[in-house]
Protein backbone atom coordinates (compact mmCIF):
# COMPACT_ATOMS: atom_id res chain seq x y z
CA GLN A 1 147.15 -13.86 101.66
CA LEU A 2 145.14 -10.83 100.55
CA GLU A 3 144.67 -9.77 104.17
CA GLN A 4 148.39 -10.04 104.85
CA PHE A 5 149.23 -7.71 101.95
CA HIS A 6 146.30 -5.32 102.32
CA PRO A 7 148.21 -2.36 103.86
CA VAL A 8 150.95 -2.40 101.20
CA SER A 9 148.39 -3.14 98.48
CA TYR A 10 146.43 -0.05 99.49
CA GLY A 11 149.65 1.98 99.38
CA TRP A 12 150.36 0.66 95.89
CA ALA A 13 146.80 1.39 94.76
CA LEU A 14 147.19 4.97 96.04
CA SER A 15 150.36 5.30 94.02
CA CYS A 16 148.62 3.94 90.91
CA CYS A 17 145.74 6.40 91.41
CA ALA A 18 147.67 9.66 91.85
CA HIS A 19 147.09 9.42 95.64
CA ASN A 20 143.32 9.72 95.32
CA PRO A 21 142.00 7.66 98.30
CA MET A 22 138.49 7.08 96.91
CA GLU A 23 139.81 5.95 93.55
CA ALA A 24 142.42 3.74 95.22
CA GLU A 25 139.73 2.04 97.31
CA ASP A 26 137.63 1.37 94.20
CA ILE A 27 140.63 0.01 92.28
CA LEU A 28 141.69 -2.19 95.18
CA GLN A 29 138.16 -3.55 95.59
CA THR A 30 137.95 -4.33 91.86
CA ALA A 31 141.37 -6.00 91.94
CA TYR A 32 140.38 -8.12 94.95
CA LEU A 33 137.18 -9.17 93.16
CA LYS A 34 139.24 -10.24 90.14
CA VAL A 35 141.36 -12.40 92.42
CA LEU A 36 138.45 -13.87 94.37
CA ASP A 37 136.25 -14.66 91.37
CA GLY A 38 139.11 -16.16 89.35
CA ARG A 39 139.49 -13.54 86.64
CA ALA A 40 143.05 -13.07 87.89
CA ARG A 41 144.84 -16.31 88.72
CA PHE A 42 148.10 -16.70 90.58
CA ASP A 43 150.29 -19.14 88.66
CA GLY A 44 153.31 -19.16 90.97
CA ARG A 45 155.78 -17.78 88.41
CA ALA A 46 156.35 -14.69 90.57
CA ALA A 47 156.00 -13.91 94.25
CA PHE A 48 152.37 -13.48 95.32
CA LYS A 49 152.96 -9.85 96.26
CA THR A 50 154.50 -9.10 92.83
CA TRP A 51 151.59 -10.75 91.09
CA LEU A 52 149.02 -8.93 93.26
CA PHE A 53 150.68 -5.57 92.56
CA ALA A 54 150.50 -6.32 88.83
CA VAL A 55 146.77 -7.06 89.14
CA ILE A 56 146.28 -3.73 90.94
CA ARG A 57 148.34 -1.83 88.36
CA HIS A 58 146.47 -3.39 85.44
CA THR A 59 143.14 -2.66 87.12
CA ALA A 60 144.10 0.99 87.62
CA ALA A 61 145.33 1.28 84.02
CA ASP A 62 142.11 -0.25 82.71
CA GLU A 63 140.08 2.26 84.71
CA ARG A 64 142.16 5.22 83.47
CA ARG A 65 141.74 4.00 79.89
CA ARG A 66 137.96 3.66 80.36
CA ARG A 67 137.76 7.15 81.83
CA TRP A 68 139.87 8.58 79.04
CA LEU A 69 137.75 6.91 76.37
CA HIS A 70 134.60 8.20 78.01
CA TRP A 71 136.01 11.68 78.32
CA LEU A 72 137.12 11.85 74.69
CA ARG A 73 133.98 10.06 73.50
CA LEU A 74 136.00 7.92 71.11
CA ASP A 75 133.33 5.30 71.13
CA GLY A 76 131.18 7.44 68.87
CA TYR A 77 130.25 11.07 69.04
CA ARG A 78 127.12 11.75 71.03
CA GLN A 79 125.84 15.27 71.24
CA GLU A 80 126.23 16.55 74.77
CA ARG A 81 123.13 17.51 76.70
CA ASP A 82 122.60 20.09 79.40
CA ASP A 83 121.25 19.37 82.90
CA GLU A 84 117.64 19.40 81.68
CA GLY A 85 118.35 16.84 78.94
CA GLN A 86 118.19 19.43 76.18
CA PRO A 87 120.80 19.56 73.43
CA ALA A 88 123.82 21.53 74.52
CA ALA A 89 124.59 24.86 72.96
CA ARG A 90 126.00 24.68 69.44
CA GLY A 91 129.31 26.07 70.69
CA ASP A 92 129.72 23.13 73.12
CA ALA A 93 129.07 20.57 70.40
CA LEU A 94 131.47 22.37 68.07
CA GLU A 95 134.14 22.44 70.77
CA GLN A 96 133.72 18.68 71.32
CA THR A 97 134.03 18.03 67.58
CA GLU A 98 137.17 20.16 67.48
CA ARG A 99 138.63 18.19 70.40
CA VAL A 100 138.05 14.86 68.69
CA GLN A 101 139.56 16.22 65.46
CA LEU A 102 142.58 17.60 67.34
CA PHE A 103 143.04 14.26 69.07
CA ARG A 104 143.01 12.39 65.76
CA GLU A 105 145.42 14.84 64.12
CA THR A 106 147.78 14.61 67.09
CA LEU A 107 147.62 10.81 67.07
CA ALA A 108 148.61 10.88 63.39
CA LYS A 109 151.84 12.75 64.30
CA LEU A 110 153.14 9.86 66.39
CA PRO A 111 155.58 7.28 65.00
CA ARG A 112 153.80 4.41 63.25
CA ARG A 113 154.26 1.79 66.01
CA GLN A 114 153.01 4.19 68.68
CA GLN A 115 149.98 5.04 66.52
CA GLU A 116 149.25 1.36 65.98
CA VAL A 117 149.36 0.33 69.61
CA LEU A 118 147.32 3.34 70.79
CA HIS A 119 144.76 2.73 68.06
CA LEU A 120 144.45 -0.95 68.93
CA VAL A 121 144.13 -0.25 72.65
CA PHE A 122 141.83 2.79 72.53
CA TYR A 123 139.76 2.29 69.39
CA GLN A 124 139.71 -1.52 69.18
CA ASP A 125 139.63 -2.11 72.96
CA LEU A 126 142.49 -4.62 72.90
CA THR A 127 144.88 -5.20 75.77
CA ILE A 128 148.48 -4.21 75.19
CA GLU A 129 149.35 -7.91 75.09
CA ASP A 130 146.74 -8.55 72.37
CA ALA A 131 147.93 -5.48 70.47
CA ALA A 132 151.49 -6.89 70.59
CA GLY A 133 150.22 -10.06 68.91
CA VAL A 134 148.42 -8.09 66.22
CA MET A 135 151.50 -5.94 65.60
CA GLY A 136 153.89 -8.90 65.63
CA VAL A 137 156.10 -7.44 68.36
CA SER A 138 156.96 -8.56 71.87
CA ARG A 139 154.81 -7.52 74.81
CA GLY A 140 157.69 -5.42 76.14
CA SER A 141 158.03 -3.59 72.84
CA ALA A 142 154.29 -2.94 72.69
CA ARG A 143 154.31 -1.64 76.27
CA THR A 144 157.19 0.70 75.44
CA HIS A 145 155.47 2.03 72.31
CA TYR A 146 152.23 2.44 74.29
CA ALA A 147 153.86 4.32 77.18
CA ARG A 148 155.92 6.59 74.94
CA GLY A 149 153.02 7.28 72.59
CA LYS A 150 150.59 8.00 75.39
CA GLN A 151 153.08 10.31 77.10
CA ARG A 152 153.86 12.18 73.88
CA LEU A 153 150.20 12.39 72.93
CA GLY A 154 149.22 13.67 76.38
CA ASP A 155 151.98 16.28 76.34
CA TRP A 156 151.00 17.56 72.89
CA LEU A 157 147.31 17.68 73.75
CA GLN A 158 147.93 19.56 76.98
CA GLN A 159 150.17 22.03 75.15
CA SER A 160 147.32 22.71 72.74
CA GLY A 161 145.30 24.20 75.61
CA HIS A 162 142.16 22.26 74.61
CA PHE A 163 142.74 19.42 77.03
CA ASP A 164 143.79 21.26 80.19
CA GLU A 165 141.40 19.30 82.40
CA TYR A 166 142.72 15.93 81.18
CA ARG A 167 145.10 14.35 83.67
CA HIS A 168 147.08 11.27 82.66
C-alpha cells in the first residue's frame, strides 16, 4: 500500500517540511522505514492513508524538535568551536549563553500547563502523549498546550531579535 500512496505521501511530507524537497524526502524515507521495520504499526482503527499521514507528521515533528534542541543546545551547553577546532571567540560563547538564558526566561512567561508540556517534551525528551500522562491531562489537551506554547514561545523569541534564524 505504500507504493499506492507514495505521490500523496510525498505531497504531505512536503507540506510538513515547509516545502523543502530534500527534507521531505528524508522524512518520507524515515517514515517508510518506521512502517517497514515495525516501529509504526497499522492497527486498522483509521484508514491506512490517515494512519500513514500521521506517521509522516509525527516523523517530521520529531525531526524539527531534534533540530531545535540541537540548535538551542538544551542538552547541555558546549562551548562552540571555530572551523579549526579552536574555542570560539568569547563574544560567540557569551551570545550563546545569553540565548539560552533568554529562552529559559521566555519559557517561564508561559502559562503553567504550556511550560510543563514544553519542558517535558524538550528537556525530558518525552512524547506529547507521555507528557499528557505525566501531567494527568488528555492527549488532546496536551497537544493543545504544546502547540499554543510553542507558537507563543517562538513568536516571543523571534520578536526579541536574538532568534531571527530560527524557523518553526
